[in-house]
Amino acid sequence: MPTLEQIARLVDGELAGPPDLEITGVGSVECAGAGEIAPIDSKAFLRTARSSKAEAFLVSKALGEGF
């Protein structure tokens, strides 16, 4: 399974969180659960993300400032 650190390198991103966390899948912000990463592509999902059960989020730098 890929780790958050590996995913961050693949997308040339900045990591905020445990680098060794293994990601087992991808899901929507509303449906992702433990071990899954969820993409956030609009401000509308930032509020939803706060109550999400996703283990991690993939957020653009522009949106990340408000996260």
C-alpha atoms as a PDB file:
ATOM      1  CA  MET A   1       0.000   0.000   0.000  1.00  0.00           C
ATOM      2  CA  PRO A   2       1.267   3.501  -0.744  1.00  0.00           C
ATOM      3  CA  THR A   3       1.990   5.853   2.118  1.00  0.00           C
ATOM      4  CA  LEU A   4       1.021   9.506   2.399  1.00  0.00           C
ATOM      5  CA  GLU A   5       4.656  10.428   1.809  1.00  0.00           C
ATOM      6  CA  GLN A   6       4.737   8.460  -1.449  1.00  0.00           C
ATOM      7  CA  ILE A   7       1.484  10.024  -2.645  1.00  0.00           C
ATOM      8  CA  ALA A   8       2.728  13.525  -1.787  1.00  0.00           C
ATOM      9  CA  ARG A   9       5.862  12.913  -3.873  1.00  0.00           C
ATOM     10  CA  LEU A  10       3.824  11.586  -6.805  1.00  0.00           C
ATOM     11  CA  VAL A  11       1.698  14.724  -6.964  1.00  0.00           C
ATOM     12  CA  ASP A  12       4.556  17.066  -6.029  1.00  0.00           C
ATOM     13  CA  GLY A  13       2.572  18.042  -2.965  1.00  0.00           C
ATOM     14  CA  GLU A  14       3.181  19.169   0.569  1.00  0.00           C
ATOM     15  CA  LEU A  15       2.521  16.627   3.285  1.00  0.00           C
ATOM     16  CA  ALA A  16       0.694  17.520   6.481  1.00  0.00           C
ATOM     17  CA  GLY A  17       0.306  14.417   8.562  1.00  0.00           C
ATOM     18  CA  PRO A  18       2.008  11.131   9.329  1.00  0.00           C
ATOM     19  CA  PRO A  19       4.253  10.246   6.357  1.00  0.00           C
ATOM     20  CA  ASP A  20       4.082   6.498   7.032  1.00  0.00           C
ATOM     21  CA  LEU A  21       0.253   6.285   7.009  1.00  0.00           C
ATOM     22  CA  GLU A  22      -0.731   3.597   4.507  1.00  0.00           C
ATOM     23  CA  ILE A  23      -3.576   4.445   2.143  1.00  0.00           C
ATOM     24  CA  THR A  24      -5.765   1.519   1.098  1.00  0.00           C
ATOM     25  CA  GLY A  25      -8.187   3.260  -1.229  1.00  0.00           C
ATOM     26  CA  VAL A  26      -9.841   6.406  -2.514  1.00  0.00           C
ATOM     27  CA  GLY A  27     -13.336   7.613  -1.734  1.00  0.00           C
ATOM     28  CA  SER A  28     -15.494  10.688  -1.852  1.00  0.00           C
ATOM     29  CA  VAL A  29     -15.399  13.096   1.072  1.00  0.00           C
ATOM     30  CA  GLU A  30     -18.820  11.845   2.157  1.00  0.00           C
ATOM     31  CA  CYS A  31     -18.109   8.109   1.840  1.00  0.00           C
ATOM     32  CA  ALA A  32     -14.381   7.554   2.475  1.00  0.00           C
ATOM     33  CA  GLY A  33     -13.435   5.714   5.618  1.00  0.00           C
ATOM     34  CA  ALA A  34     -10.421   4.493   7.537  1.00  0.00           C
ATOM     35  CA  GLY A  35      -7.346   4.048   5.367  1.00  0.00           C
ATOM     36  CA  GLU A  36      -8.831   6.001   2.461  1.00  0.00           C
ATOM     37  CA  ILE A  37      -7.875   9.321   0.913  1.00  0.00           C
ATOM     38  CA  ALA A  38     -10.492  11.725  -0.433  1.00  0.00           C
ATOM     39  CA  PRO A  39      -9.907  14.477  -2.991  1.00  0.00           C
ATOM     40  CA  ILE A  40     -11.272  17.931  -2.231  1.00  0.00           C
ATOM     41  CA  ASP A  41     -11.639  20.119  -5.295  1.00  0.00           C
ATOM     42  CA  SER A  42     -13.893  22.935  -4.120  1.00  0.00           C
ATOM     43  CA  LYS A  43     -14.516  25.070  -1.055  1.00  0.00           C
ATOM     44  CA  ALA A  44     -17.944  23.482  -0.730  1.00  0.00           C
ATOM     45  CA  PHE A  45     -16.325  20.250   0.471  1.00  0.00           C
ATOM     46  CA  LEU A  46     -14.119  21.857   3.141  1.00  0.00           C
ATOM     47  CA  ARG A  47     -16.948  21.905   5.698  1.00  0.00           C
ATOM     48  CA  THR A  48     -17.931  18.333   4.820  1.00  0.00           C
ATOM     49  CA  ALA A  49     -14.312  17.232   5.222  1.00  0.00           C
ATOM     50  CA  ARG A  50     -14.279  18.254   8.872  1.00  0.00           C
ATOM     51  CA  SER A  51     -16.823  15.523   9.664  1.00  0.00           C
ATOM     52  CA  SER A  52     -15.524  12.987   7.124  1.00  0.00           C
ATOM     53  CA  LYS A  53     -14.172   9.623   8.225  1.00  0.00           C
ATOM     54  CA  ALA A  54     -11.480   9.731   5.521  1.00  0.00           C
ATOM     55  CA  GLU A  55      -7.982   9.075   6.805  1.00  0.00           C
ATOM     56  CA  ALA A  56      -6.437  11.754   4.559  1.00  0.00           C
ATOM     57  CA  PHE A  57      -7.331  14.389   1.977  1.00  0.00           C
ATOM     58  CA  LEU A  58      -5.796  15.486  -1.296  1.00  0.00           C
ATOM     59  CA  VAL A  59      -6.271  19.253  -1.434  1.00  0.00           C
ATOM     60  CA  SER A  60      -4.923  21.869  -3.852  1.00  0.00           C
ATOM     61  CA  LYS A  61      -2.569  24.423  -2.344  1.00  0.00           C
ATOM     62  CA  ALA A  62      -5.099  27.207  -2.984  1.00  0.00           C
ATOM     63  CA  LEU A  63      -7.856  25.379  -1.096  1.00  0.00           C
ATOM     64  CA  GLY A  64      -5.488  24.076   1.559  1.00  0.00           C
ATOM     65  CA  GLU A  65      -5.029  27.550   2.969  1.00  0.00           C
ATOM     66  CA  GLY A  66      -8.616  27.428   4.250  1.00  0.00           C
ATOM     67  CA  PHE A  67      -8.440  23.858   5.549  1.00  0.00           C
END
